[in-house]
């Protein structure tokens, strides 16, 4: 898998290293950001314990918090002062 990713990496316009683990993490985070069920993601990743999968919700919650900060009416009032 690592060799396949390395081969495709040559065609991508990014400088960061790409690994199977990063792809797996991005896959799980993207699913959760799009509203996938945590148990479904657990099954897809093959985790035995739900707590192992829950670590991906941290990234999703951070994205949600940033989104709320940007669009919440109270923040718009505070930022105008």
Protein backbone atom coordinates (compact mmCIF):
# COMPACT_ATOMS: atom_id res chain seq x y z
CA UNK A 1 0.00 0.00 0.00
CA UNK A 2 2.84 2.36 0.87
CA UNK A 3 4.38 1.92 -2.60
CA UNK A 4 1.07 2.59 -4.33
CA UNK A 5 0.55 5.77 -2.33
CA UNK A 6 4.12 6.87 -3.07
CA UNK A 7 3.50 6.32 -6.79
CA UNK A 8 0.30 8.41 -6.77
CA UNK A 9 1.97 11.04 -4.61
CA UNK A 10 4.12 11.95 -7.62
CA UNK A 11 0.98 13.18 -9.42
CA UNK A 12 -0.37 15.32 -6.56
CA UNK A 13 0.45 19.03 -6.27
CA UNK A 14 1.11 18.86 -2.50
CA UNK A 15 4.37 18.94 -0.61
CA UNK A 16 3.29 17.13 2.56
CA UNK A 17 4.07 13.46 3.04
CA UNK A 18 1.15 11.13 2.41
CA UNK A 19 0.87 7.87 4.37
CA UNK A 20 -1.76 5.14 4.68
CA UNK A 21 -2.38 6.28 8.27
CA UNK A 22 -3.06 9.86 7.17
CA UNK A 23 -5.48 8.62 4.50
CA UNK A 24 -7.26 6.48 7.08
CA UNK A 25 -7.50 9.38 9.52
CA UNK A 26 -8.77 11.74 6.80
CA UNK A 27 -11.33 9.16 5.70
CA UNK A 28 -12.73 8.76 9.23
CA UNK A 29 -12.74 12.49 9.93
CA UNK A 30 -14.48 13.27 6.65
CA UNK A 31 -17.17 10.67 7.32
CA UNK A 32 -17.86 12.10 10.78
CA UNK A 33 -17.88 15.68 9.45
CA UNK A 34 -20.53 14.62 6.95
CA UNK A 35 -22.71 13.15 9.69
CA UNK A 36 -21.82 9.47 9.56
CA UNK A 37 -22.74 7.38 12.59
CA UNK A 38 -19.84 6.76 14.95
CA UNK A 39 -20.65 3.04 15.11
CA UNK A 40 -20.59 2.82 11.29
CA UNK A 41 -17.16 4.47 11.21
CA UNK A 42 -16.01 2.08 13.94
CA UNK A 43 -17.08 -0.84 11.77
CA UNK A 44 -15.38 0.56 8.66
CA UNK A 45 -12.12 1.13 10.50
CA UNK A 46 -12.24 -2.27 12.20
CA UNK A 47 -11.91 -0.92 15.73
CA UNK A 48 -12.92 -3.27 18.52
CA UNK A 49 -13.65 -0.48 20.99
CA UNK A 50 -15.78 2.58 20.34
CA UNK A 51 -13.37 4.68 22.41
CA UNK A 52 -10.70 4.11 19.77
CA UNK A 53 -13.00 5.58 17.12
CA UNK A 54 -14.09 8.46 19.35
CA UNK A 55 -10.70 10.15 18.97
CA UNK A 56 -11.78 11.16 15.46
CA UNK A 57 -14.72 13.11 16.87
CA UNK A 58 -12.28 15.58 18.44
CA UNK A 59 -11.30 16.89 14.99
CA UNK A 60 -14.95 17.01 13.95
CA UNK A 61 -15.90 18.98 17.05
CA UNK A 62 -13.07 21.46 16.43
CA UNK A 63 -14.35 22.05 12.89
CA UNK A 64 -17.88 22.52 14.21
CA UNK A 65 -16.67 25.03 16.82
CA UNK A 66 -14.82 27.06 14.17
CA UNK A 67 -17.90 27.07 11.96
CA UNK A 68 -20.11 28.24 14.83
CA UNK A 69 -17.68 31.00 15.76
CA UNK A 70 -17.77 32.33 12.23
CA UNK A 71 -21.53 32.40 11.73
CA UNK A 72 -23.03 32.85 15.20
CA UNK A 73 -24.87 36.22 15.49
CA UNK A 74 -23.34 37.00 18.90
CA UNK A 75 -19.84 36.79 17.45
CA UNK A 76 -20.85 39.13 14.63
CA UNK A 77 -22.00 41.73 17.20
CA UNK A 78 -18.82 41.35 19.27
CA UNK A 79 -16.54 41.54 16.25
CA UNK A 80 -18.16 44.77 14.97
CA UNK A 81 -17.15 46.71 18.10
